[in-house]
Protein backbone atom coordinates (compact mmCIF):
# COMPACT_ATOMS: atom_id res chain seq x y z
CA MET A 1 124.31 76.61 149.25
CA GLU A 2 124.51 80.26 150.31
CA ARG A 3 122.82 81.16 147.05
CA SER A 4 119.94 78.71 147.34
CA ALA A 5 117.30 81.45 147.16
CA GLU A 6 118.86 82.89 144.00
CA ILE A 7 119.04 79.42 142.45
CA ALA A 8 115.38 78.84 143.30
CA ILE A 9 114.41 82.12 141.67
CA LEU A 10 116.37 81.27 138.52
CA LYS A 11 114.69 77.86 138.36
CA ALA A 12 111.27 79.39 138.91
CA MET A 13 111.99 81.69 135.97
CA GLY A 14 112.73 78.65 133.80
CA ALA A 15 116.50 78.19 133.99
CA ARG A 16 117.61 74.61 133.37
CA ASP A 17 119.92 72.69 135.69
CA ARG A 18 122.72 72.72 133.13
CA LEU A 19 122.61 76.52 132.81
CA ILE A 20 122.75 77.00 136.57
CA ALA A 21 125.65 74.57 136.89
CA THR A 22 127.48 76.38 134.09
CA ILE A 23 126.94 79.81 135.63
CA PHE A 24 128.22 78.80 139.06
CA ALA A 25 131.10 76.72 137.69
CA LEU A 26 132.28 79.55 135.44
CA GLU A 27 132.05 82.05 138.27
CA GLY A 28 134.21 79.82 140.47
CA ILE A 29 136.71 79.13 137.71
CA ILE A 30 137.05 82.83 136.87
CA VAL A 31 137.56 83.82 140.50
CA GLY A 32 140.03 80.99 141.02
CA GLY A 33 141.86 81.81 137.79
CA VAL A 34 142.25 85.45 138.77
CA GLY A 35 143.55 84.32 142.16
CA CYS A 36 145.95 81.89 140.51
CA VAL A 37 147.32 84.51 138.13
CA GLY A 38 147.61 87.03 140.97
CA GLY A 39 149.38 84.52 143.20
CA ILE A 40 151.85 83.56 140.51
CA ALA A 41 152.52 87.20 139.69
CA ALA A 42 153.10 88.01 143.37
CA GLY A 43 155.35 84.97 143.79
CA LEU A 44 157.42 85.84 140.73
CA ALA A 45 157.69 89.47 141.84
CA LEU A 46 158.88 88.36 145.26
CA CYS A 47 161.41 86.00 143.68
CA ALA A 48 162.68 88.81 141.44
CA TRP A 49 163.00 91.09 144.46
CA PHE A 50 164.94 88.46 146.41
CA SER A 51 167.12 87.69 143.37
CA GLU A 52 168.09 91.33 143.13
CA ARG A 53 168.74 91.88 146.84
CA GLY A 54 169.52 88.34 147.94
CA ILE A 55 168.39 86.57 151.07
CA PRO A 56 171.10 87.31 153.61
CA LEU A 57 172.24 84.57 155.94
CA ARG A 58 173.59 86.02 159.17
CA SER A 59 175.15 83.09 160.85
CA ASP A 60 178.66 81.86 161.38
CA ALA A 61 177.48 78.33 160.63
CA PHE A 62 176.86 79.10 156.91
CA THR A 63 179.56 79.66 154.33
CA LEU A 64 177.19 81.46 151.93
CA GLU A 65 176.66 85.19 152.15
CA ALA A 66 173.26 84.99 150.48
CA LEU A 67 170.89 82.16 149.62
CA PRO A 68 170.86 81.51 145.86
CA LEU A 69 167.50 81.69 144.12
CA HIS A 70 166.45 80.03 140.86
CA VAL A 71 162.96 80.09 139.33
CA ASP A 72 162.24 77.18 137.01
CA PRO A 73 159.54 78.12 134.47
CA TRP A 74 158.42 74.49 134.16
CA GLU A 75 157.81 74.28 137.90
CA VAL A 76 155.84 77.53 137.83
CA ALA A 77 153.76 76.20 134.93
CA LEU A 78 153.19 72.89 136.74
CA VAL A 79 152.03 74.64 139.91
CA ALA A 80 149.76 76.93 137.88
CA ALA A 81 148.24 73.97 136.04
CA ALA A 82 147.69 72.06 139.28
CA ALA A 83 146.08 75.12 140.86
CA LEU A 84 143.73 75.57 137.90
CA VAL A 85 142.75 71.88 137.99
CA LEU A 86 141.98 72.13 141.71
CA VAL A 87 140.03 75.35 141.19
CA SER A 88 138.02 73.70 138.43
CA LEU A 89 137.19 70.70 140.60
CA ALA A 90 136.35 72.92 143.56
CA SER A 91 134.01 74.95 141.33
CA VAL A 92 132.33 72.25 139.28
CA LEU A 93 131.39 69.85 142.07
CA PRO A 94 129.42 72.37 144.18
CA ALA A 95 127.89 73.85 141.02
CA ARG A 96 126.51 70.45 140.07
CA ALA A 97 125.08 70.05 143.56
CA ALA A 98 123.50 73.49 143.33
CA ALA A 99 121.96 72.68 139.97
CA VAL A 100 119.89 69.78 141.30
CA LEU A 101 118.39 71.92 144.08
CA ARG A 102 114.61 72.01 143.91
CA PRO A 103 113.12 75.53 143.84
CA VAL A 104 110.90 74.85 146.85
CA ASP A 105 113.87 73.76 148.97
CA GLY A 106 115.88 76.78 147.89
CA LEU A 107 113.15 79.21 148.86
CA ARG A 108 112.73 77.58 152.26
CA ARG A 109 116.48 77.82 152.96
CA GLY A 110 116.60 81.42 151.81
CA GLU A 111 114.07 82.58 154.38
């Protein structure tokens, strides 16, 4: 709803509801996808760093010198897929709501 004035201008120029919904949904999915890929890359890099150096346990209560680390590719893929599904839902639902905004209401909100 922050972009209600822009949506109203697009509608006044003749853009259809479907086009507006598509534009906003794709923008959200692209931003979310870049964030998902960046988060997975950062997580895998951190796991690689900890695998190389280990996570030291400095306590007499533990018998391990370092905490073992294992990255399961299937779990990474499952988390990535779940994140992309959530990003898609979080993008499509507000985009559909934005698409049905009347131009007059959008211009009033944008003032």
